[in-house]
Protein backbone atom coordinates (compact mmCIF):
# COMPACT_ATOMS: atom_id res chain seq x y z
CA MET A 1 40.83 -24.76 -30.44
CA ALA A 2 39.03 -27.82 -29.47
CA VAL A 3 35.94 -26.22 -27.77
CA SER A 4 33.40 -24.98 -29.70
CA PHE A 5 32.16 -21.68 -27.78
CA VAL A 6 28.94 -21.26 -30.63
CA GLU A 7 28.06 -24.99 -29.84
CA GLU A 8 28.25 -24.47 -26.07
CA LEU A 9 25.87 -21.38 -26.36
CA LYS A 10 23.59 -23.08 -28.43
CA TRP A 11 22.87 -26.22 -26.23
CA ARG A 12 22.33 -23.51 -23.05
CA GLY A 13 19.66 -21.60 -25.10
CA MET A 14 21.88 -18.30 -25.25
CA LEU A 15 22.24 -18.07 -28.95
CA HIS A 16 19.89 -16.03 -30.83
CA ASP A 17 21.93 -14.78 -33.69
CA ALA A 18 25.58 -15.11 -35.46
CA MET A 19 26.96 -13.87 -38.35
CA PRO A 20 28.23 -16.66 -40.59
CA GLY A 21 31.41 -17.90 -40.22
CA THR A 22 31.85 -16.97 -36.63
CA ASP A 23 32.11 -20.46 -35.20
CA GLU A 24 34.59 -21.26 -37.91
CA HIS A 25 36.49 -18.03 -36.76
CA LEU A 26 36.63 -19.00 -33.36
CA LEU A 27 37.81 -22.41 -33.84
CA SER A 28 41.03 -21.04 -35.69
CA GLY A 29 42.76 -20.15 -32.89
CA MET A 30 42.60 -17.72 -29.57
CA LYS A 31 40.23 -14.73 -30.55
CA SER A 32 38.93 -11.77 -28.64
CA ALA A 33 35.21 -10.55 -28.05
CA TYR A 34 33.52 -8.00 -25.90
CA VAL A 35 30.52 -7.14 -24.24
CA GLY A 36 29.36 -3.63 -23.22
CA ILE A 37 28.02 -2.67 -19.71
CA ASP A 38 26.38 0.27 -18.67
CA PRO A 39 27.88 2.17 -15.84
CA THR A 40 25.34 3.96 -14.75
CA ALA A 41 25.38 2.11 -11.13
CA ASP A 42 28.24 0.70 -8.93
CA SER A 43 26.48 -2.63 -9.20
CA LEU A 44 25.57 -5.27 -11.86
CA HIS A 45 22.28 -6.65 -11.72
CA ILE A 46 20.81 -9.74 -12.65
CA GLY A 47 19.52 -8.39 -16.30
CA HIS A 48 23.61 -7.93 -17.02
CA LEU A 49 24.27 -11.49 -15.97
CA VAL A 50 23.95 -13.07 -19.56
CA GLY A 51 26.40 -10.96 -21.10
CA VAL A 52 28.78 -11.99 -18.21
CA MET A 53 28.09 -15.60 -18.48
CA MET A 54 28.72 -15.24 -22.17
CA LEU A 55 32.08 -13.56 -21.59
CA ARG A 56 32.95 -16.35 -19.30
CA HIS A 57 32.27 -19.19 -21.52
CA PHE A 58 34.14 -17.51 -24.06
CA GLN A 59 37.13 -17.34 -21.62
CA LEU A 60 36.59 -21.21 -20.38
CA ALA A 61 36.98 -22.20 -24.34
CA GLY A 62 40.27 -20.69 -24.36
CA HIS A 63 39.60 -16.75 -25.96
CA LYS A 64 40.14 -13.55 -24.40
CA PRO A 65 37.35 -11.49 -23.03
CA TYR A 66 36.84 -7.80 -22.83
CA ALA A 67 34.53 -6.29 -20.69
CA LEU A 68 33.65 -2.87 -22.07
CA VAL A 69 32.24 0.03 -19.45
CA GLY A 70 30.29 2.23 -21.48
CA GLY A 71 31.41 5.55 -19.57
CA ALA A 72 30.79 7.76 -22.70
CA THR A 73 27.15 7.04 -23.03
CA GLY A 74 27.08 7.61 -19.28
CA MET A 75 28.19 10.92 -19.41
CA ILE A 76 25.80 11.67 -22.63
CA GLY A 77 22.65 10.22 -21.15
CA ASP A 78 20.58 7.49 -21.64
CA PRO A 79 20.17 7.13 -25.44
CA SER A 80 17.07 4.35 -25.72
CA GLY A 81 14.27 6.96 -25.16
CA LYS A 82 12.97 4.93 -22.34
CA SER A 83 14.27 7.46 -19.52
CA ALA A 84 14.34 11.07 -19.60
CA GLU A 85 15.29 11.87 -16.30
CA ARG A 86 19.05 9.74 -16.18
CA ASN A 87 21.29 11.46 -14.36
CA LEU A 88 24.55 12.38 -16.33
CA LEU A 89 27.70 10.77 -14.68
CA ASP A 90 30.95 13.17 -13.86
CA GLU A 91 34.18 11.58 -14.12
CA ALA A 92 34.73 10.72 -10.44
CA THR A 93 31.39 8.68 -10.17
CA LEU A 94 32.41 7.07 -13.07
CA ARG A 95 35.64 5.51 -12.40
CA HIS A 96 34.11 4.77 -8.97
CA ASN A 97 31.52 2.64 -10.57
CA GLN A 98 34.05 1.17 -12.83
CA ASN A 99 36.36 -0.01 -10.14
CA ALA A 100 32.95 -1.44 -8.54
CA LEU A 101 31.82 -3.30 -11.48
CA LYS A 102 35.55 -4.85 -12.21
CA GLU A 103 35.30 -6.25 -8.67
CA GLN A 104 31.71 -7.96 -9.15
CA LEU A 105 33.16 -9.03 -12.61
CA SER A 106 36.36 -10.50 -11.29
CA ARG A 107 33.84 -13.55 -9.50
CA PHE A 108 33.40 -14.74 -13.03
CA LEU A 109 35.97 -13.53 -15.13
CA ASP A 110 39.88 -13.99 -14.56
CA PHE A 111 41.52 -10.64 -14.62
CA ASP A 112 44.56 -11.48 -13.09
CA SER A 113 46.35 -14.79 -14.50
CA ASP A 114 49.63 -14.66 -16.67
CA ALA A 115 47.58 -16.53 -19.28
CA GLY A 116 47.23 -15.07 -22.93
CA ASN A 117 43.74 -15.06 -22.16
CA ALA A 118 43.46 -12.73 -18.98
CA ALA A 119 40.23 -10.83 -19.13
CA VAL A 120 40.68 -6.71 -19.67
CA LEU A 121 38.34 -4.18 -18.50
CA VAL A 122 37.94 -1.33 -20.87
CA ASN A 123 36.08 2.06 -21.10
CA ASN A 124 34.99 3.69 -23.95
CA TYR A 125 35.63 7.23 -22.25
CA ASP A 126 38.98 6.74 -22.46
CA TRP A 127 39.29 6.86 -26.09
CA MET A 128 36.00 9.01 -26.89
CA LYS A 129 36.87 11.90 -24.31
CA ASP A 130 39.44 13.67 -26.78
CA PHE A 131 37.67 12.95 -29.81
CA SER A 132 35.99 16.27 -31.03
CA PHE A 133 32.58 16.22 -32.81
CA LEU A 134 34.15 17.54 -36.38
CA ASP A 135 36.83 14.68 -36.02
CA PHE A 136 33.97 12.20 -35.40
CA ILE A 137 31.74 13.15 -38.04
CA ARG A 138 34.94 13.46 -40.74
CA ASP A 139 36.44 10.08 -39.77
CA VAL A 140 33.71 7.84 -38.80
CA GLY A 141 30.34 9.66 -39.66
CA LYS A 142 31.16 9.92 -43.46
CA HIS A 143 31.59 5.74 -43.99
CA ILE A 144 27.84 5.10 -42.77
CA SER A 145 24.76 6.55 -44.96
CA VAL A 146 21.33 7.79 -43.38
CA ASN A 147 19.76 4.88 -45.35
CA TYR A 148 22.01 2.21 -43.75
CA MET A 149 21.05 3.87 -40.22
CA MET A 150 17.13 4.21 -41.32
CA ALA A 151 17.12 0.43 -42.34
CA LYS A 152 17.88 -0.85 -38.74
CA ASP A 153 15.06 -2.45 -36.94
CA SER A 154 15.64 -0.41 -33.95
CA VAL A 155 15.21 2.83 -35.85
CA LYS A 156 12.37 1.62 -37.24
CA LYS A 157 10.67 0.91 -34.33
CA ARG A 158 11.30 4.24 -33.06
CA LEU A 159 10.37 6.05 -35.99
CA SER A 160 7.29 4.37 -36.62
CA SER A 161 6.24 4.21 -32.75
CA GLU A 162 3.83 6.83 -31.64
CA ALA A 163 5.77 8.53 -29.05
CA LYS A 164 5.25 12.08 -29.23
CA GLU A 165 9.03 12.82 -28.62
CA GLY A 166 10.07 11.12 -31.79
CA MET A 167 13.87 9.92 -31.87
CA SER A 168 16.44 12.17 -30.72
CA PHE A 169 19.92 12.87 -32.68
CA THR A 170 21.56 11.47 -29.67
CA GLU A 171 19.80 8.03 -29.96
CA PHE A 172 19.96 7.96 -33.83
CA THR A 173 23.69 8.29 -33.92
CA TYR A 174 24.28 5.97 -30.85
CA GLN A 175 24.30 2.99 -33.31
CA LEU A 176 27.75 5.02 -34.59
CA VAL A 177 29.01 5.34 -31.25
CA GLN A 178 28.78 1.84 -30.45
CA GLY A 179 30.05 1.01 -33.77
CA TYR A 180 33.22 2.77 -33.43
CA ASP A 181 33.96 1.21 -30.10
CA PHE A 182 34.14 -2.13 -32.30
CA LEU A 183 36.43 -0.50 -34.59
CA HIS A 184 38.88 0.88 -31.93
CA LEU A 185 39.00 -2.47 -30.03
CA TYR A 186 39.49 -4.46 -33.49
CA GLN A 187 42.43 -1.79 -34.23
CA GLN A 188 43.95 -1.50 -30.93
CA TYR A 189 43.40 -5.09 -29.27
CA GLN A 190 42.41 -7.32 -32.23
CA CYS A 191 39.31 -7.58 -31.26
CA THR A 192 37.03 -9.71 -33.84
CA LEU A 193 33.85 -10.20 -31.77
CA GLN A 194 31.09 -8.15 -30.50
CA MET A 195 28.24 -10.06 -28.21
CA GLY A 196 25.24 -8.68 -26.83
CA GLY A 197 21.53 -8.92 -26.19
CA SER A 198 19.08 -9.62 -29.63
CA ASP A 199 18.07 -6.18 -29.31
CA GLN A 200 21.83 -4.76 -30.07
CA TRP A 201 22.05 -6.90 -33.67
CA GLY A 202 21.60 -3.49 -35.77
CA ASN A 203 24.65 -1.61 -33.35
CA ILE A 204 26.93 -4.61 -33.66
CA THR A 205 26.58 -5.05 -37.35
CA THR A 206 27.28 -1.34 -37.90
CA GLY A 207 30.58 -1.78 -36.09
CA THR A 208 31.48 -4.71 -38.22
CA GLU A 209 30.51 -2.38 -41.00
CA LEU A 210 33.07 0.25 -39.84
CA ILE A 211 35.89 -2.50 -39.56
CA ARG A 212 35.24 -3.11 -43.02
CA ARG A 213 35.32 -0.03 -44.56
CA ILE A 214 37.61 1.77 -42.13
CA GLY A 215 39.60 -1.13 -40.92
CA GLY A 216 39.67 -3.21 -43.84
CA GLY A 217 39.10 -6.19 -41.61
CA LYS A 218 36.56 -8.46 -40.76
CA GLY A 219 34.35 -8.50 -37.49
CA TYR A 220 31.98 -10.78 -36.04
CA ALA A 221 28.33 -10.37 -34.48
CA LEU A 222 26.93 -12.74 -32.06
CA THR A 223 23.73 -12.27 -29.78
CA CYS A 224 21.72 -13.91 -26.94
CA PRO A 225 18.20 -13.91 -26.76
CA LEU A 226 16.49 -11.44 -24.51
CA ILE A 227 15.67 -13.38 -21.34
CA THR A 228 12.01 -13.52 -20.55
CA LYS A 229 9.56 -15.25 -17.57
CA ALA A 230 7.31 -17.93 -18.65
CA ASP A 231 4.49 -15.75 -17.23
CA GLY A 232 5.24 -12.59 -19.22
CA THR A 233 6.60 -10.74 -16.44
CA LYS A 234 10.01 -9.00 -16.39
CA PHE A 235 13.02 -10.99 -15.69
CA GLY A 236 15.04 -9.67 -12.87
CA LYS A 237 12.81 -7.38 -11.39
CA THR A 238 10.47 -7.47 -8.27
CA GLU A 239 7.93 -5.14 -6.95
CA GLY A 240 11.09 -3.67 -5.09
CA GLY A 241 13.07 -2.94 -8.46
CA ASN A 242 16.31 -4.48 -9.76
CA ILE A 243 18.12 -7.77 -8.52
CA TRP A 244 21.55 -6.77 -7.81
CA LEU A 245 24.69 -8.41 -7.24
CA ASP A 246 25.51 -5.89 -4.32
CA ALA A 247 24.67 -7.30 -1.06
CA GLU A 248 23.91 -4.00 0.03
CA ARG A 249 21.62 -3.63 -2.24
CA THR A 250 19.73 -6.79 -2.46
CA SER A 251 20.47 -8.94 0.27
CA PRO A 252 21.66 -12.62 -0.68
CA TYR A 253 18.40 -13.81 1.36
CA LYS A 254 16.40 -12.09 -1.20
CA PHE A 255 18.74 -12.97 -4.18
CA TYR A 256 18.39 -16.70 -3.34
CA GLN A 257 14.60 -16.32 -2.85
CA TYR A 258 14.42 -14.76 -6.41
CA TRP A 259 15.98 -17.89 -7.95
CA LEU A 260 13.94 -20.18 -5.66
CA ASN A 261 10.86 -18.99 -6.40
CA THR A 262 11.27 -19.40 -10.43
CA SER A 263 8.71 -21.55 -12.24
CA ASP A 264 9.45 -24.87 -13.30
CA ALA A 265 9.55 -23.75 -17.18
CA ASP A 266 11.77 -21.10 -16.17
CA ALA A 267 13.94 -23.05 -13.99
CA GLU A 268 14.68 -25.54 -16.61
CA LYS A 269 15.76 -22.63 -18.85
CA TYR A 270 17.59 -20.62 -16.32
CA ILE A 271 19.79 -23.30 -15.08
CA LYS A 272 21.33 -23.69 -18.57
CA ILE A 273 22.04 -19.92 -18.70
CA PHE A 274 22.98 -18.73 -15.05
CA THR A 275 25.16 -22.00 -13.88
CA PHE A 276 27.91 -23.72 -15.20
CA LEU A 277 26.41 -27.34 -14.81
CA THR A 278 27.14 -29.75 -17.67
CA LYS A 279 24.51 -30.92 -20.17
CA GLU A 280 24.55 -34.22 -17.96
CA GLU A 281 24.23 -32.56 -14.81
CA VAL A 282 21.00 -30.48 -16.08
CA GLY A 283 19.61 -33.75 -17.84
CA THR A 284 19.63 -35.35 -14.45
CA LEU A 285 18.33 -32.65 -12.62
CA VAL A 286 15.42 -32.13 -15.38
CA LYS A 287 14.52 -36.12 -14.96
CA GLU A 288 14.37 -35.57 -11.21
CA GLN A 289 12.20 -32.64 -11.70
CA GLU A 290 9.74 -34.48 -13.73
CA GLU A 291 9.61 -37.69 -11.29
CA ALA A 292 9.11 -35.30 -8.17
CA PRO A 293 8.15 -31.71 -9.08
CA HIS A 294 7.04 -30.80 -5.56
CA MET A 295 10.94 -30.97 -4.41
CA ARG A 296 11.84 -28.61 -6.70
CA PRO A 297 15.12 -29.80 -7.54
CA LEU A 298 16.06 -27.48 -10.17
CA GLN A 299 14.84 -24.47 -8.54
CA LYS A 300 17.02 -25.55 -5.25
CA ARG A 301 20.18 -26.08 -7.14
CA LEU A 302 19.76 -23.17 -9.50
CA ALA A 303 19.38 -20.85 -6.38
CA ALA A 304 21.91 -22.51 -4.77
CA GLU A 305 24.75 -22.31 -7.80
CA VAL A 306 23.95 -18.63 -8.72
CA THR A 307 24.18 -17.64 -4.96
CA VAL A 308 27.49 -19.17 -4.39
CA MET A 309 28.57 -17.91 -7.64
CA VAL A 310 27.78 -14.12 -6.82
CA HIS A 311 28.08 -14.12 -3.19
CA SER A 312 29.64 -17.13 -1.22
CA GLN A 313 28.80 -20.85 0.37
CA GLY A 314 28.22 -18.47 3.89
CA ASP A 315 26.18 -16.44 2.14
CA LEU A 316 24.16 -19.38 0.73
CA GLU A 317 24.00 -21.58 3.95
CA ASN A 318 22.96 -18.13 5.68
CA ALA A 319 20.08 -17.95 3.08
CA MET A 320 19.01 -21.53 3.10
CA ARG A 321 18.78 -21.30 7.13
CA ALA A 322 16.40 -18.12 6.79
CA THR A 323 14.50 -19.65 4.29
CA ASN A 324 13.83 -22.67 6.56
CA MET A 325 12.50 -20.32 9.23
CA LEU A 326 9.44 -19.81 6.96
CA PHE A 327 8.52 -23.68 7.04
CA GLY A 328 8.93 -24.26 10.69
CA LYS A 329 12.30 -26.47 10.07
CA SER A 330 14.18 -24.01 12.67
CA THR A 331 15.33 -23.84 16.15
CA SER A 332 15.34 -21.21 18.61
CA GLU A 333 19.02 -20.90 18.16
CA ASP A 334 18.55 -20.65 14.48
CA LEU A 335 16.49 -17.57 14.90
CA LYS A 336 19.39 -16.11 17.23
CA ASN A 337 21.90 -16.03 14.73
CA LEU A 338 19.79 -14.43 12.25
CA ASP A 339 21.24 -11.01 11.80
CA ALA A 340 18.49 -8.12 12.11
CA LYS A 341 18.37 -7.45 8.48
CA THR A 342 17.49 -10.89 7.30
CA PHE A 343 15.02 -11.35 10.22
CA LEU A 344 12.97 -8.61 8.85
CA GLU A 345 13.34 -9.78 5.31
CA VAL A 346 12.13 -13.29 6.55
CA PHE A 347 9.14 -12.26 8.44
CA GLU A 348 8.42 -9.14 6.10
CA GLY A 349 4.69 -8.35 6.27
CA VAL A 350 4.22 -10.18 9.33
CA PRO A 351 2.22 -8.31 12.02
CA GLN A 352 4.19 -6.37 14.53
CA ALA A 353 3.74 -4.69 17.93
CA GLU A 354 6.13 -2.35 19.48
CA ILE A 355 6.54 -2.47 23.27
CA PRO A 356 9.08 -1.04 25.84
CA MET A 357 12.35 -2.77 27.07
CA SER A 358 10.93 -2.10 30.26
CA GLU A 359 8.11 -4.60 30.20
CA LEU A 360 10.56 -7.15 30.18
CA ASP A 361 12.46 -5.98 33.14
CA ASN A 362 10.44 -8.40 35.54
CA GLY A 363 8.90 -10.75 32.90
CA LEU A 364 6.26 -9.99 30.34
CA ASP A 365 3.34 -12.73 30.99
CA MET A 366 2.01 -14.93 27.89
CA ILE A 367 -1.40 -13.05 28.50
CA GLY A 368 -0.32 -9.59 27.65
CA ALA A 369 2.36 -10.84 24.97
CA LEU A 370 -0.62 -12.53 23.13
CA ALA A 371 -3.70 -9.94 23.53
CA ALA A 372 -3.69 -7.11 25.72
CA LYS A 373 -0.26 -5.73 25.12
CA THR A 374 0.15 -6.51 21.14
CA GLY A 375 -3.52 -7.44 19.71
CA PHE A 376 -1.80 -10.75 18.25
CA LEU A 377 -5.21 -12.71 19.43
CA GLY A 378 -8.58 -11.17 19.92
CA SER A 379 -8.79 -11.31 23.85
CA ASN A 380 -7.42 -12.58 26.69
CA GLY A 381 -9.99 -15.56 26.47
CA ALA A 382 -8.49 -16.59 23.35
CA ALA A 383 -5.01 -16.25 24.33
CA ARG A 384 -5.80 -18.52 27.45
CA ARG A 385 -7.49 -21.22 25.02
CA GLU A 386 -4.31 -21.19 22.54
CA LEU A 387 -1.90 -21.83 25.29
CA LYS A 388 -4.02 -24.43 27.01
CA GLN A 389 -4.39 -26.53 23.60
CA ASN A 390 -0.49 -25.92 23.35
CA SER A 391 -0.51 -23.96 20.13
CA ILE A 392 1.37 -21.12 20.83
CA ALA A 393 5.64 -20.84 20.67
CA VAL A 394 7.86 -18.24 21.41
CA ASN A 395 11.03 -18.21 19.31
CA ARG A 396 10.04 -21.66 17.99
CA GLU A 397 9.81 -23.16 21.29
CA LYS A 398 6.39 -24.08 22.45
CA VAL A 399 5.23 -22.40 26.08
CA LYS A 400 2.27 -22.62 28.65
CA GLU A 401 0.58 -19.84 30.17
CA ASP A 402 2.86 -19.56 33.07
CA TYR A 403 5.92 -18.66 30.78
CA GLN A 404 7.30 -15.30 31.15
CA ILE A 405 9.27 -13.43 28.19
CA THR A 406 12.56 -11.77 29.65
CA LYS A 407 15.31 -9.96 27.84
CA GLY A 408 17.04 -13.39 27.05
CA ASP A 409 14.59 -14.13 24.79
CA LEU A 410 15.60 -11.16 22.62
CA ILE A 411 16.74 -11.81 18.76
CA ASN A 412 19.28 -9.29 18.19
CA ASP A 413 18.41 -7.64 21.45
CA GLN A 414 15.52 -6.27 19.95
CA PHE A 415 12.78 -8.96 18.53
CA VAL A 416 10.79 -11.93 20.10
CA LEU A 417 8.89 -14.12 17.56
CA LEU A 418 5.62 -15.52 18.41
CA GLN A 419 3.66 -17.97 16.98
CA LYS A 420 0.17 -19.61 16.90
CA GLY A 421 -0.15 -22.83 15.05
CA ARG A 422 2.27 -23.39 12.11
CA LYS A 423 1.50 -20.57 10.30
CA ASN A 424 0.44 -17.72 12.20
CA TYR A 425 3.42 -15.17 13.25
CA PHE A 426 3.60 -12.19 15.09
CA VAL A 427 6.55 -10.09 15.61
CA LEU A 428 7.32 -8.04 19.19
CA VAL A 429 9.60 -5.24 18.47
CA VAL A 430 11.16 -4.53 21.97
CA LYS A 431 12.47 -0.43 21.87
């Protein structure tokens, strides 16, 4: 295998740790590896993207990727101790989520080709559902000592923490469940590598231990760093929650904005992790950023690449058009092409006033629109003064005092955008 998967991850900053011999093992021929994915929602969020990108690079290097949906875990609840109130999934919900996740993963992984390294989606519920507790502790549990499990950093941290609830039996034994997944995939699919975040190292190596003790073989572990932001805030989160890959949960416009608003330091890191640009292309962009940081070439390219990869070229173009609205680089026609949801997202937080549709029957005069009917400006006199100074626009087009707002001005049959100067906006909501 000519392409070194490990070297590719290294230069991209996606390699935290790998078991000795992993690179040599992968260079000896086509191998299989898997990443586990939580199925508690019917969409991935960008926190999942690192694992998905690892699988994609693995496939591009000629290997066979497996995406493992953790259905068994979803049915027993959250073992991490972080959430006491997670809803347990029934099988119908689990299957729905699995199908939705496969559709999203298909944007990154090739599941359908005839090639030997076509991707495969598996669900650990399928092999755990008929595994009785007695069988599990007899066939799996006896091979791993409590001493071994207690020595894991993840267990030590939980036991030494001051959390009153301590560590549940479920959480303690979770490494055995995850370890068994690796053994099962090794035995059934010759899967020799498990990948995940650096916090998963203990669980992954428990799997390699089971492969050695029960399977009589050799498994490998590889982890990526946990993605952080330079300012210390959590990657992939906003005040509104997760940044989802599903357009219904996070619109392409908000998705694009998230990447566009990354800091210079983060953009240089993220463009290596979340795009497939080459080392040379990234180097050129970094140089451009150093020479003209105000032009933000890294952020613009990062946002464009990830938005097209997750959504589409058309969604990117709409998001870019919507972004231009905020900087006054758009026309009345551009505004009218925005759908209502995106319009409200672009002008989120802008003051609004509601007026009845009947106000537009005979035309709404500008003094009324600016002051009496809306309160956008403080008085009729202030409205007249701004109109005389040519600083008022309706839907991006400058207007005089004699202008009348009619139904022909409506954006999506319900909005009119008023503007004073370059940055003072006001939305008329017509009902």
